[in-house]
PDB file of N, CA and C in Angstrom:
ATOM      1  N   MET A   1     -62.132 144.461 148.849  1.00  0.00           N
ATOM      2  CA  MET A   1     -62.766 143.281 149.409  1.00  0.00           C
ATOM      3  C   MET A   1     -62.135 142.048 148.768  1.00  0.00           C
ATOM      4  N   ASN A   2     -61.946 141.046 149.558  1.00  0.00           N
ATOM      5  CA  ASN A   2     -61.404 139.787 149.079  1.00  0.00           C
ATOM      6  C   ASN A   2     -62.316 139.201 148.000  1.00  0.00           C
ATOM      7  N   LYS A   3     -61.723 138.662 146.931  1.00  0.00           N
ATOM      8  CA  LYS A   3     -62.510 138.139 145.811  1.00  0.00           C
ATOM      9  C   LYS A   3     -63.411 136.984 146.242  1.00  0.00           C
ATOM     10  N   LEU A   4     -62.902 136.117 147.109  1.00  0.00           N
ATOM     11  CA  LEU A   4     -63.689 134.981 147.584  1.00  0.00           C
ATOM     12  C   LEU A   4     -64.875 135.443 148.421  1.00  0.00           C
ATOM     13  N   LYS A   5     -64.650 136.432 149.285  1.00  0.00           N
ATOM     14  CA  LYS A   5     -65.735 136.956 150.107  1.00  0.00           C
ATOM     15  C   LYS A   5     -66.787 137.644 149.242  1.00  0.00           C
ATOM     16  N   LYS A   6     -66.354 138.349 148.226  1.00  0.00           N
ATOM     17  CA  LYS A   6     -67.275 139.037 147.336  1.00  0.00           C
ATOM     18  C   LYS A   6     -68.152 138.034 146.587  1.00  0.00           C
ATOM     19  N   MET A   7     -67.539 136.944 146.097  1.00  0.00           N
ATOM     20  CA  MET A   7     -68.318 135.922 145.408  1.00  0.00           C
ATOM     21  C   MET A   7     -69.310 135.260 146.350  1.00  0.00           C
ATOM     22  N   SER A   8     -68.905 135.039 147.597  1.00  0.00           N
ATOM     23  CA  SER A   8     -69.796 134.431 148.582  1.00  0.00           C
ATOM     24  C   SER A   8     -70.990 135.332 148.868  1.00  0.00           C
ATOM     25  N   LEU A   9     -70.742 136.629 149.025  1.00  0.00           N
ATOM     26  CA  LEU A   9     -71.829 137.563 149.282  1.00  0.00           C
ATOM     27  C   LEU A   9     -72.780 137.658 148.097  1.00  0.00           C
ATOM     28  N   GLN A  10     -72.232 137.629 146.882  1.00  0.00           N
ATOM     29  CA  GLN A  10     -73.080 137.681 145.700  1.00  0.00           C
ATOM     30  C   GLN A  10     -73.963 136.442 145.608  1.00  0.00           C
ATOM     31  N   ARG A  11     -73.389 135.293 145.913  1.00  0.00           N
ATOM     32  CA  ARG A  11     -74.161 134.055 145.856  1.00  0.00           C
ATOM     33  C   ARG A  11     -75.276 134.061 146.894  1.00  0.00           C
ATOM     34  N   LYS A  12     -74.960 134.505 148.098  1.00  0.00           N
ATOM     35  CA  LYS A  12     -75.951 134.555 149.166  1.00  0.00           C
ATOM     36  C   LYS A  12     -77.095 135.489 148.796  1.00  0.00           C
ATOM     37  N   LYS A  13     -76.771 136.650 148.269  1.00  0.00           N
ATOM     38  CA  LYS A  13     -77.791 137.617 147.875  1.00  0.00           C
ATOM     39  C   LYS A  13     -78.670 137.053 146.765  1.00  0.00           C
ATOM     40  N   ARG A  14     -78.053 136.414 145.781  1.00  0.00           N
ATOM     41  CA  ARG A  14     -78.797 135.872 144.648  1.00  0.00           C
ATOM     42  C   ARG A  14     -79.759 134.782 145.098  1.00  0.00           C
ATOM     43  N   ASN A  15     -79.304 133.878 145.948  1.00  0.00           N
ATOM     44  CA  ASN A  15     -80.165 132.788 146.404  1.00  0.00           C
ATOM     45  C   ASN A  15     -81.359 133.313 147.181  1.00  0.00           C
ATOM     46  N   ARG A  16     -81.137 134.219 148.109  1.00  0.00           N
ATOM     47  CA  ARG A  16     -82.220 134.718 148.936  1.00  0.00           C
ATOM     48  C   ARG A  16     -83.199 135.545 148.103  1.00  0.00           C
ATOM     49  N   TRP A  17     -82.696 136.359 147.191  1.00  0.00           N
ATOM     50  CA  TRP A  17     -83.567 137.186 146.367  1.00  0.00           C
ATOM     51  C   TRP A  17     -84.444 136.317 145.484  1.00  0.00           C
ATOM     52  N   ASN A  18     -83.855 135.318 144.837  1.00  0.00           N
ATOM     53  CA  ASN A  18     -84.640 134.441 143.965  1.00  0.00           C
ATOM     54  C   ASN A  18     -85.702 133.694 144.751  1.00  0.00           C
ATOM     55  N   LEU A  19     -85.380 133.236 145.935  1.00  0.00           N
ATOM     56  CA  LEU A  19     -86.342 132.488 146.726  1.00  0.00           C
ATOM     57  C   LEU A  19     -87.506 133.373 147.159  1.00  0.00           C
ATOM     58  N   LYS A  20     -87.213 134.608 147.550  1.00  0.00           N
ATOM     59  CA  LYS A  20     -88.296 135.508 147.955  1.00  0.00           C
ATOM     60  C   LYS A  20     -89.180 135.882 146.773  1.00  0.00           C
ATOM     61  N   GLU A  21     -88.596 136.012 145.593  1.00  0.00           N
ATOM     62  CA  GLU A  21     -89.391 136.346 144.425  1.00  0.00           C
ATOM     63  C   GLU A  21     -90.258 135.172 143.982  1.00  0.00           C
ATOM     64  N   VAL A  22     -89.717 133.972 144.023  1.00  0.00           N
ATOM     65  CA  VAL A  22     -90.461 132.796 143.591  1.00  0.00           C
ATOM     66  C   VAL A  22     -91.543 132.443 144.605  1.00  0.00           C
ATOM     67  N   ASN A  23     -91.259 132.638 145.884  1.00  0.00           N
ATOM     68  CA  ASN A  23     -92.163 132.200 146.942  1.00  0.00           C
ATOM     69  C   ASN A  23     -93.243 133.257 147.203  1.00  0.00           C
ATOM     70  N   LYS A  24     -94.121 133.437 146.254  1.00  0.00           N
ATOM     71  CA  LYS A  24     -95.264 134.322 146.448  1.00  0.00           C
ATOM     72  C   LYS A  24     -96.518 133.526 146.772  1.00  0.00           C
ATOM     73  N   SER A  25     -96.352 132.241 147.053  1.00  0.00           N
ATOM     74  CA  SER A  25     -97.493 131.393 147.371  1.00  0.00           C
ATOM     75  C   SER A  25     -97.782 131.468 148.862  1.00  0.00           C
ATOM     76  N   ASP A  26     -98.641 130.590 149.319  1.00  0.00           N
ATOM     77  CA  ASP A  26     -99.007 130.579 150.734  1.00  0.00           C
ATOM     78  C   ASP A  26     -98.072 129.701 151.557  1.00  0.00           C
ATOM     79  N   ARG A  27     -96.987 129.222 150.945  1.00  0.00           N
ATOM     80  CA  ARG A  27     -96.057 128.355 151.666  1.00  0.00           C
ATOM     81  C   ARG A  27     -94.993 129.193 152.374  1.00  0.00           C
ATOM     82  N   PRO A  28     -94.832 129.004 153.675  1.00  0.00           N
ATOM     83  CA  PRO A  28     -93.767 129.720 154.373  1.00  0.00           C
ATOM     84  C   PRO A  28     -92.392 129.143 154.048  1.00  0.00           C
ATOM     85  N   ARG A  29     -91.362 129.821 154.501  1.00  0.00           N
ATOM     86  CA  ARG A  29     -89.976 129.473 154.171  1.00  0.00           C
ATOM     87  C   ARG A  29     -89.275 128.955 155.415  1.00  0.00           C
ATOM     88  N   LEU A  30     -88.617 127.787 155.293  1.00  0.00           N
ATOM     89  CA  LEU A  30     -87.794 127.228 156.361  1.00  0.00           C
ATOM     90  C   LEU A  30     -86.360 127.673 156.113  1.00  0.00           C
ATOM     91  N   SER A  31     -85.904 128.639 156.877  1.00  0.00           N
ATOM     92  CA  SER A  31     -84.587 129.229 156.692  1.00  0.00           C
ATOM     93  C   SER A  31     -83.601 128.623 157.681  1.00  0.00           C
ATOM     94  N   VAL A  32     -82.392 128.312 157.199  1.00  0.00           N
ATOM     95  CA  VAL A  32     -81.359 127.665 158.012  1.00  0.00           C
ATOM     96  C   VAL A  32     -80.176 128.615 158.155  1.00  0.00           C
ATOM     97  N   HIS A  33     -79.654 128.716 159.367  1.00  0.00           N
ATOM     98  CA  HIS A  33     -78.429 129.468 159.614  1.00  0.00           C
ATOM     99  C   HIS A  33     -77.467 128.562 160.363  1.00  0.00           C
ATOM    100  N   ARG A  34     -76.231 128.499 159.849  1.00  0.00           N
ATOM    101  CA  ARG A  34     -75.240 127.577 160.402  1.00  0.00           C
ATOM    102  C   ARG A  34     -73.976 128.349 160.741  1.00  0.00           C
ATOM    103  N   THR A  35     -73.427 128.072 161.937  1.00  0.00           N
ATOM    104  CA  THR A  35     -72.128 128.587 162.308  1.00  0.00           C
ATOM    105  C   THR A  35     -71.228 127.403 162.617  1.00  0.00           C
ATOM    106  N   ASN A  36     -70.011 127.675 163.038  1.00  0.00           N
ATOM    107  CA  ASN A  36     -69.111 126.576 163.354  1.00  0.00           C
ATOM    108  C   ASN A  36     -69.561 125.804 164.586  1.00  0.00           C
ATOM    109  N   THR A  37     -70.278 126.451 165.497  1.00  0.00           N
ATOM    110  CA  THR A  37     -70.650 125.802 166.749  1.00  0.00           C
ATOM    111  C   THR A  37     -72.144 125.534 166.895  1.00  0.00           C
ATOM    112  N   HIS A  38     -72.996 126.214 166.164  1.00  0.00           N
ATOM    113  CA  HIS A  38     -74.445 126.076 166.340  1.00  0.00           C
ATOM    114  C   HIS A  38     -75.150 126.031 164.993  1.00  0.00           C
ATOM    115  N   ILE A  39     -76.405 125.597 165.027  1.00  0.00           N
ATOM    116  CA  ILE A  39     -77.272 125.622 163.856  1.00  0.00           C
ATOM    117  C   ILE A  39     -78.662 126.037 164.319  1.00  0.00           C
ATOM    118  N   SER A  40     -79.324 126.843 163.508  1.00  0.00           N
ATOM    119  CA  SER A  40     -80.656 127.302 163.865  1.00  0.00           C
ATOM    120  C   SER A  40     -81.546 127.282 162.633  1.00  0.00           C
ATOM    121  N   ALA A  41     -82.842 127.193 162.879  1.00  0.00           N
ATOM    122  CA  ALA A  41     -83.828 127.173 161.806  1.00  0.00           C
ATOM    123  C   ALA A  41     -85.031 127.980 162.240  1.00  0.00           C
ATOM    124  N   GLN A  42     -85.627 128.668 161.275  1.00  0.00           N
ATOM    125  CA  GLN A  42     -86.860 129.393 161.562  1.00  0.00           C
ATOM    126  C   GLN A  42     -87.784 129.306 160.358  1.00  0.00           C
ATOM    127  N   ILE A  43     -89.067 129.331 160.643  1.00  0.00           N
ATOM    128  CA  ILE A  43     -90.069 129.295 159.596  1.00  0.00           C
ATOM    129  C   ILE A  43     -90.651 130.692 159.485  1.00  0.00           C
ATOM    130  N   ILE A  44     -90.554 131.262 158.278  1.00  0.00           N
ATOM    131  CA  ILE A  44     -90.896 132.659 158.045  1.00  0.00           C
ATOM    132  C   ILE A  44     -92.030 132.741 157.036  1.00  0.00           C
ATOM    133  N   ASP A  45     -93.014 133.572 157.326  1.00  0.00           N
ATOM    134  CA  ASP A  45     -94.068 133.879 156.370  1.00  0.00           C
ATOM    135  C   ASP A  45     -93.674 135.169 155.659  1.00  0.00           C
ATOM    136  N   ASP A  46     -93.269 135.069 154.387  1.00  0.00           N
ATOM    137  CA  ASP A  46     -92.778 136.228 153.650  1.00  0.00           C
ATOM    138  C   ASP A  46     -93.880 137.213 153.295  1.00  0.00           C
ATOM    139  N   ILE A  47     -95.090 136.753 153.147  1.00  0.00           N
ATOM    140  CA  ILE A  47     -96.182 137.642 152.780  1.00  0.00           C
ATOM    141  C   ILE A  47     -96.533 138.568 153.942  1.00  0.00           C
ATOM    142  N   LYS A  48     -96.659 138.008 155.140  1.00  0.00           N
ATOM    143  CA  LYS A  48     -96.965 138.814 156.326  1.00  0.00           C
ATOM    144  C   LYS A  48     -95.715 139.428 156.939  1.00  0.00           C
ATOM    145  N   GLY A  49     -94.554 138.839 156.662  1.00  0.00           N
ATOM    146  CA  GLY A  49     -93.303 139.350 157.209  1.00  0.00           C
ATOM    147  C   GLY A  49     -93.096 139.000 158.668  1.00  0.00           C
ATOM    148  N   ILE A  50     -93.540 137.804 159.072  1.00  0.00           N
ATOM    149  CA  ILE A  50     -93.393 137.389 160.468  1.00  0.00           C
ATOM    150  C   ILE A  50     -92.691 136.037 160.545  1.00  0.00           C
ATOM    151  N   THR A  51     -92.095 135.783 161.690  1.00  0.00           N
ATOM    152  CA  THR A  51     -91.521 134.476 161.978  1.00  0.00           C
ATOM    153  C   THR A  51     -92.562 133.645 162.706  1.00  0.00           C
ATOM    154  N   ILE A  52     -92.890 132.506 162.154  1.00  0.00           N
ATOM    155  CA  ILE A  52     -93.915 131.647 162.740  1.00  0.00           C
ATOM    156  C   ILE A  52     -93.350 130.893 163.933  1.00  0.00           C
ATOM    157  N   CYS A  53     -92.198 130.258 163.755  1.00  0.00           N
ATOM    158  CA  CYS A  53     -91.541 129.557 164.852  1.00  0.00           C
ATOM    159  C   CYS A  53     -90.055 129.452 164.552  1.00  0.00           C
ATOM    160  N   ALA A  54     -89.279 129.239 165.601  1.00  0.00           N
ATOM    161  CA  ALA A  54     -87.827 129.136 165.463  1.00  0.00           C
ATOM    162  C   ALA A  54     -87.297 128.161 166.505  1.00  0.00           C
ATOM    163  N   TYR A  55     -86.189 127.516 166.170  1.00  0.00           N
ATOM    164  CA  TYR A  55     -85.529 126.604 167.103  1.00  0.00           C
ATOM    165  C   TYR A  55     -84.045 126.576 166.781  1.00  0.00           C
ATOM    166  N   SER A  56     -83.231 126.392 167.806  1.00  0.00           N
ATOM    167  CA  SER A  56     -81.793 126.432 167.649  1.00  0.00           C
ATOM    168  C   SER A  56     -81.131 125.503 168.656  1.00  0.00           C
ATOM    169  N   THR A  57     -79.848 125.256 168.452  1.00  0.00           N
ATOM    170  CA  THR A  57     -79.085 124.492 169.426  1.00  0.00           C
ATOM    171  C   THR A  57     -78.798 125.336 170.668  1.00  0.00           C
ATOM    172  N   GLN A  58     -79.083 126.625 170.606  1.00  0.00           N
ATOM    173  CA  GLN A  58     -78.881 127.504 171.748  1.00  0.00           C
ATOM    174  C   GLN A  58     -80.124 127.623 172.628  1.00  0.00           C
ATOM    175  N   CYS A  59     -81.214 126.975 172.249  1.00  0.00           N
ATOM    176  CA  CYS A  59     -82.427 127.004 173.070  1.00  0.00           C
ATOM    177  C   CYS A  59     -82.183 126.273 174.386  1.00  0.00           C
ATOM    178  N   LYS A  60     -82.898 126.701 175.422  1.00  0.00           N
ATOM    179  CA  LYS A  60     -82.684 126.127 176.757  1.00  0.00           C
ATOM    180  C   LYS A  60     -83.107 124.673 176.857  1.00  0.00           C
ATOM    181  N   ASP A  61     -84.104 124.263 176.073  1.00  0.00           N
ATOM    182  CA  ASP A  61     -84.576 122.891 176.170  1.00  0.00           C
ATOM    183  C   ASP A  61     -83.851 121.943 175.207  1.00  0.00           C
ATOM    184  N   PHE A  62     -82.763 122.389 174.586  1.00  0.00           N
ATOM    185  CA  PHE A  62     -81.966 121.512 173.719  1.00  0.00           C
ATOM    186  C   PHE A  62     -81.154 120.564 174.584  1.00  0.00           C
ATOM    187  N   LYS A  63     -81.239 119.270 174.320  1.00  0.00           N
ATOM    188  CA  LYS A  63     -80.712 118.265 175.230  1.00  0.00           C
ATOM    189  C   LYS A  63     -79.271 117.821 174.946  1.00  0.00           C
ATOM    190  N   LEU A  64     -78.858 117.808 173.675  1.00  0.00           N
ATOM    191  CA  LEU A  64     -77.540 117.272 173.340  1.00  0.00           C
ATOM    192  C   LEU A  64     -76.421 118.187 173.822  1.00  0.00           C
ATOM    193  N   LYS A  65     -75.317 117.576 174.203  1.00  0.00           N
ATOM    194  CA  LYS A  65     -74.187 118.340 174.727  1.00  0.00           C
ATOM    195  C   LYS A  65     -73.371 118.978 173.599  1.00  0.00           C
ATOM    196  N   LYS A  66     -73.113 118.205 172.531  1.00  0.00           N
ATOM    197  CA  LYS A  66     -72.379 118.736 171.378  1.00  0.00           C
ATOM    198  C   LYS A  66     -73.368 119.407 170.432  1.00  0.00           C
ATOM    199  N   THR A  67     -73.079 120.645 170.063  1.00  0.00           N
ATOM    200  CA  THR A  67     -74.017 121.396 169.239  1.00  0.00           C
ATOM    201  C   THR A  67     -73.573 121.526 167.792  1.00  0.00           C
ATOM    202  N   SER A  68     -72.392 121.064 167.451  1.00  0.00           N
ATOM    203  CA  SER A  68     -71.898 121.234 166.086  1.00  0.00           C
ATOM    204  C   SER A  68     -71.812 119.904 165.340  1.00  0.00           C
ATOM    205  N   THR A  69     -72.727 118.987 165.623  1.00  0.00           N
ATOM    206  CA  THR A  69     -72.693 117.676 164.985  1.00  0.00           C
ATOM    207  C   THR A  69     -73.919 117.477 164.097  1.00  0.00           C
ATOM    208  N   VAL A  70     -73.859 116.429 163.294  1.00  0.00           N
ATOM    209  CA  VAL A  70     -74.974 116.078 162.429  1.00  0.00           C
ATOM    210  C   VAL A  70     -76.179 115.653 163.278  1.00  0.00           C
ATOM    211  N   GLU A  71     -75.933 114.986 164.390  1.00  0.00           N
ATOM    212  CA  GLU A  71     -77.028 114.562 165.278  1.00  0.00           C
ATOM    213  C   GLU A  71     -77.758 115.780 165.851  1.00  0.00           C
ATOM    214  N   ALA A  72     -77.020 116.815 166.197  1.00  0.00           N
ATOM    215  CA  ALA A  72     -77.642 118.038 166.713  1.00  0.00           C
ATOM    216  C   ALA A  72     -78.499 118.695 165.641  1.00  0.00           C
ATOM    217  N   ALA A  73     -78.017 118.698 164.407  1.00  0.00           N
ATOM    218  CA  ALA A  73     -78.787 119.288 163.309  1.00  0.00           C
ATOM    219  C   ALA A  73     -80.066 118.498 163.054  1.00  0.00           C
ATOM    220  N   THR A  74     -79.987 117.170 163.145  1.00  0.00           N
ATOM    221  CA  THR A  74     -81.180 116.347 162.983  1.00  0.00           C
ATOM    222  C   THR A  74     -82.193 116.632 164.089  1.00  0.00           C
ATOM    223  N   ALA A  75     -81.700 116.815 165.313  1.00  0.00           N
ATOM    224  CA  ALA A  75     -82.584 117.128 166.436  1.00  0.00           C
ATOM    225  C   ALA A  75     -83.259 118.482 166.238  1.00  0.00           C
ATOM    226  N   VAL A  76     -82.532 119.451 165.731  1.00  0.00           N
ATOM    227  CA  VAL A  76     -83.122 120.769 165.458  1.00  0.00           C
ATOM    228  C   VAL A  76     -84.183 120.650 164.370  1.00  0.00           C
ATOM    229  N   GLY A  77     -83.927 119.833 163.346  1.00  0.00           N
ATOM    230  CA  GLY A  77     -84.905 119.624 162.283  1.00  0.00           C
ATOM    231  C   GLY A  77     -86.194 118.996 162.776  1.00  0.00           C
ATOM    232  N   THR A  78     -86.078 117.994 163.639  1.00  0.00           N
ATOM    233  CA  THR A  78     -87.292 117.369 164.163  1.00  0.00           C
ATOM    234  C   THR A  78     -88.064 118.316 165.081  1.00  0.00           C
ATOM    235  N   GLU A  79     -87.352 119.107 165.871  1.00  0.00           N
ATOM    236  CA  GLU A  79     -88.035 120.046 166.776  1.00  0.00           C
ATOM    237  C   GLU A  79     -88.723 121.169 166.008  1.00  0.00           C
ATOM    238  N   ILE A  80     -88.077 121.695 164.968  1.00  0.00           N
ATOM    239  CA  ILE A  80     -88.715 122.763 164.196  1.00  0.00           C
ATOM    240  C   ILE A  80     -89.947 122.222 163.479  1.00  0.00           C
ATOM    241  N   ALA A  81     -89.901 120.963 163.050  1.00  0.00           N
ATOM    242  CA  ALA A  81     -91.066 120.351 162.412  1.00  0.00           C
ATOM    243  C   ALA A  81     -92.201 120.184 163.409  1.00  0.00           C
ATOM    244  N   LYS A  82     -91.894 119.771 164.634  1.00  0.00           N
ATOM    245  CA  LYS A  82     -92.930 119.638 165.659  1.00  0.00           C
ATOM    246  C   LYS A  82     -93.566 120.978 165.971  1.00  0.00           C
ATOM    247  N   LEU A  83     -92.746 122.029 166.081  1.00  0.00           N
ATOM    248  CA  LEU A  83     -93.285 123.360 166.342  1.00  0.00           C
ATOM    249  C   LEU A  83     -94.162 123.838 165.185  1.00  0.00           C
ATOM    250  N   ALA A  84     -93.726 123.567 163.961  1.00  0.00           N
ATOM    251  CA  ALA A  84     -94.503 123.991 162.793  1.00  0.00           C
ATOM    252  C   ALA A  84     -95.830 123.245 162.706  1.00  0.00           C
ATOM    253  N   LEU A  85     -95.796 121.951 162.971  1.00  0.00           N
ATOM    254  CA  LEU A  85     -97.031 121.175 162.910  1.00  0.00           C
ATOM    255  C   LEU A  85     -98.006 121.585 164.010  1.00  0.00           C
ATOM    256  N   SER A  86     -97.481 122.032 165.150  1.00  0.00           N
ATOM    257  CA  SER A  86     -98.370 122.508 166.209  1.00  0.00           C
ATOM    258  C   SER A  86     -99.036 123.832 165.838  1.00  0.00           C
ATOM    259  N   LYS A  87     -98.446 124.570 164.885  1.00  0.00           N
ATOM    260  CA  LYS A  87     -99.037 125.829 164.415  1.00  0.00           C
ATOM    261  C   LYS A  87     -99.711 125.654 163.066  1.00  0.00           C
ATOM    262  N   ASN A  88    -100.022 124.405 162.702  1.00  0.00           N
ATOM    263  CA  ASN A  88    -100.740 124.053 161.476  1.00  0.00           C
ATOM    264  C   ASN A  88     -99.998 124.451 160.204  1.00  0.00           C
ATOM    265  N   VAL A  89     -98.682 124.325 160.204  1.00  0.00           N
ATOM    266  CA  VAL A  89     -97.873 124.552 159.008  1.00  0.00           C
ATOM    267  C   VAL A  89     -97.299 123.203 158.606  1.00  0.00           C
ATOM    268  N   LYS A  90     -97.681 122.733 157.419  1.00  0.00           N
ATOM    269  CA  LYS A  90     -97.211 121.428 156.979  1.00  0.00           C
ATOM    270  C   LYS A  90     -96.321 121.529 155.744  1.00  0.00           C
ATOM    271  N   ASP A  91     -96.607 122.465 154.849  1.00  0.00           N
ATOM    272  CA  ASP A  91     -95.837 122.629 153.619  1.00  0.00           C
ATOM    273  C   ASP A  91     -94.961 123.865 153.723  1.00  0.00           C
ATOM    274  N   VAL A  92     -93.674 123.707 153.436  1.00  0.00           N
ATOM    275  CA  VAL A  92     -92.729 124.812 153.493  1.00  0.00           C
ATOM    276  C   VAL A  92     -91.820 124.777 152.267  1.00  0.00           C
ATOM    277  N   VAL A  93     -91.109 125.886 152.062  1.00  0.00           N
ATOM    278  CA  VAL A  93     -90.061 125.972 151.052  1.00  0.00           C
ATOM    279  C   VAL A  93     -88.740 125.991 151.803  1.00  0.00           C
ATOM    280  N   PHE A  94     -87.793 125.145 151.412  1.00  0.00           N
ATOM    281  CA  PHE A  94     -86.524 125.046 152.126  1.00  0.00           C
ATOM    282  C   PHE A  94     -85.554 126.100 151.616  1.00  0.00           C
ATOM    283  N   ASP A  95     -85.045 126.933 152.523  1.00  0.00           N
ATOM    284  CA  ASP A  95     -84.091 127.986 152.207  1.00  0.00           C
ATOM    285  C   ASP A  95     -82.773 127.657 152.892  1.00  0.00           C
ATOM    286  N   ARG A  96     -81.821 127.171 152.125  1.00  0.00           N
ATOM    287  CA  ARG A  96     -80.533 126.812 152.691  1.00  0.00           C
ATOM    288  C   ARG A  96     -79.568 127.981 152.686  1.00  0.00           C
ATOM    289  N   GLY A  97     -79.991 129.119 152.144  1.00  0.00           N
ATOM    290  CA  GLY A  97     -79.128 130.285 152.083  1.00  0.00           C
ATOM    291  C   GLY A  97     -77.985 130.049 151.120  1.00  0.00           C
ATOM    292  N   ALA A  98     -76.780 130.370 151.524  1.00  0.00           N
ATOM    293  CA  ALA A  98     -75.607 130.162 150.681  1.00  0.00           C
ATOM    294  C   ALA A  98     -74.887 128.878 151.044  1.00  0.00           C
ATOM    295  N   TYR A  99     -75.467 128.077 151.928  1.00  0.00           N
ATOM    296  CA  TYR A  99     -74.816 126.849 152.370  1.00  0.00           C
ATOM    297  C   TYR A  99     -75.105 125.731 151.380  1.00  0.00           C
ATOM    298  N   TYR A 100     -74.116 124.888 151.155  1.00  0.00           N
ATOM    299  CA  TYR A 100     -74.312 123.725 150.302  1.00  0.00           C
ATOM    300  C   TYR A 100     -75.209 122.711 151.004  1.00  0.00           C
ATOM    301  N   TYR A 101     -75.941 121.931 150.205  1.00  0.00           N
ATOM    302  CA  TYR A 101     -76.865 120.948 150.764  1.00  0.00           C
ATOM    303  C   TYR A 101     -76.113 119.656 151.066  1.00  0.00           C
ATOM    304  N   HIS A 102     -75.358 119.660 152.137  1.00  0.00           N
ATOM    305  CA  HIS A 102     -74.687 118.457 152.624  1.00  0.00           C
ATOM    306  C   HIS A 102     -74.324 118.684 154.080  1.00  0.00           C
ATOM    307  N   GLY A 103     -73.997 117.603 154.764  1.00  0.00           N
ATOM    308  CA  GLY A 103     -73.595 117.719 156.156  1.00  0.00           C
ATOM    309  C   GLY A 103     -74.741 118.100 157.075  1.00  0.00           C
ATOM    310  N   ARG A 104     -74.516 119.137 157.873  1.00  0.00           N
ATOM    311  CA  ARG A 104     -75.503 119.523 158.878  1.00  0.00           C
ATOM    312  C   ARG A 104     -76.765 120.113 158.270  1.00  0.00           C
ATOM    313  N   VAL A 105     -76.653 120.824 157.149  1.00  0.00           N
ATOM    314  CA  VAL A 105     -77.834 121.393 156.489  1.00  0.00           C
ATOM    315  C   VAL A 105     -78.721 120.266 155.956  1.00  0.00           C
ATOM    316  N   LYS A 106     -78.110 119.275 155.354  1.00  0.00           N
ATOM    317  CA  LYS A 106     -78.860 118.124 154.845  1.00  0.00           C
ATOM    318  C   LYS A 106     -79.496 117.342 155.994  1.00  0.00           C
ATOM    319  N   ALA A 107     -78.780 117.187 157.095  1.00  0.00           N
ATOM    320  CA  ALA A 107     -79.314 116.467 158.254  1.00  0.00           C
ATOM    321  C   ALA A 107     -80.521 117.184 158.837  1.00  0.00           C
ATOM    322  N   LEU A 108     -80.465 118.521 158.893  1.00  0.00           N
ATOM    323  CA  LEU A 108     -81.606 119.288 159.396  1.00  0.00           C
ATOM    324  C   LEU A 108     -82.817 119.087 158.496  1.00  0.00           C
ATOM    325  N   ALA A 109     -82.601 119.141 157.186  1.00  0.00           N
ATOM    326  CA  ALA A 109     -83.705 118.961 156.241  1.00  0.00           C
ATOM    327  C   ALA A 109     -84.307 117.561 156.348  1.00  0.00           C
ATOM    328  N   GLU A 110     -83.475 116.549 156.456  1.00  0.00           N
ATOM    329  CA  GLU A 110     -83.984 115.182 156.560  1.00  0.00           C
ATOM    330  C   GLU A 110     -84.708 114.957 157.880  1.00  0.00           C
ATOM    331  N   GLY A 111     -84.222 115.566 158.957  1.00  0.00           N
ATOM    332  CA  GLY A 111     -84.916 115.469 160.238  1.00  0.00           C
ATOM    333  C   GLY A 111     -86.286 116.115 160.195  1.00  0.00           C
ATOM    334  N   ALA A 112     -86.386 117.245 159.505  1.00  0.00           N
ATOM    335  CA  ALA A 112     -87.683 117.918 159.374  1.00  0.00           C
ATOM    336  C   ALA A 112     -88.633 117.102 158.508  1.00  0.00           C
ATOM    337  N   ARG A 113     -88.116 116.490 157.462  1.00  0.00           N
ATOM    338  CA  ARG A 113     -88.963 115.641 156.608  1.00  0.00           C
ATOM    339  C   ARG A 113     -89.481 114.425 157.368  1.00  0.00           C
ATOM    340  N   GLU A 114     -88.606 113.800 158.152  1.00  0.00           N
ATOM    341  CA  GLU A 114     -89.020 112.623 158.910  1.00  0.00           C
ATOM    342  C   GLU A 114     -90.074 112.959 159.950  1.00  0.00           C
ATOM    343  N   ALA A 115     -90.034 114.179 160.472  1.00  0.00           N
ATOM    344  CA  ALA A 115     -91.001 114.580 161.491  1.00  0.00           C
ATOM    345  C   ALA A 115     -92.323 115.047 160.899  1.00  0.00           C
ATOM    346  N   GLY A 116     -92.400 115.184 159.567  1.00  0.00           N
ATOM    347  CA  GLY A 116     -93.688 115.464 158.962  1.00  0.00           C
ATOM    348  C   GLY A 116     -93.798 116.702 158.098  1.00  0.00           C
ATOM    349  N   LEU A 117     -92.736 117.476 157.908  1.00  0.00           N
ATOM    350  CA  LEU A 117     -92.818 118.640 157.022  1.00  0.00           C
ATOM    351  C   LEU A 117     -92.651 118.211 155.578  1.00  0.00           C
ATOM    352  N   ASN A 118     -93.351 118.910 154.672  1.00  0.00           N
ATOM    353  CA  ASN A 118     -93.231 118.648 153.237  1.00  0.00           C
ATOM    354  C   ASN A 118     -92.508 119.805 152.578  1.00  0.00           C
ATOM    355  N   PHE A 119     -91.469 119.492 151.813  1.00  0.00           N
ATOM    356  CA  PHE A 119     -90.723 120.528 151.073  1.00  0.00           C
ATOM    357  C   PHE A 119     -91.176 120.489 149.637  1.00  0.00           C
TER     358      PHE A 119
END
């Protein structure tokens, strides 16, 4: 296995494991997945093991034409926050996975904060 890929997998595993171990409270987890063309977010309840709500740039009601921009990530953040607030979820733990907190991941988080979610 490539050394860089191995380090990336180890980092991803470590981040997710630590977050699941620490998050034994009643706060669900806002998980982000990013590809070169799309970004998606879902709110997961780790105690029950269910997904509360999810939103992506691949959803049918997504309006923007370009899906790999910071504006698209901000739109996904605001929509996931609206869905969460409609299901009475206000406080979440932010799970960025192995992605650095900048660019589209940061834009999604700021969009969710502006729409009313608390991290």
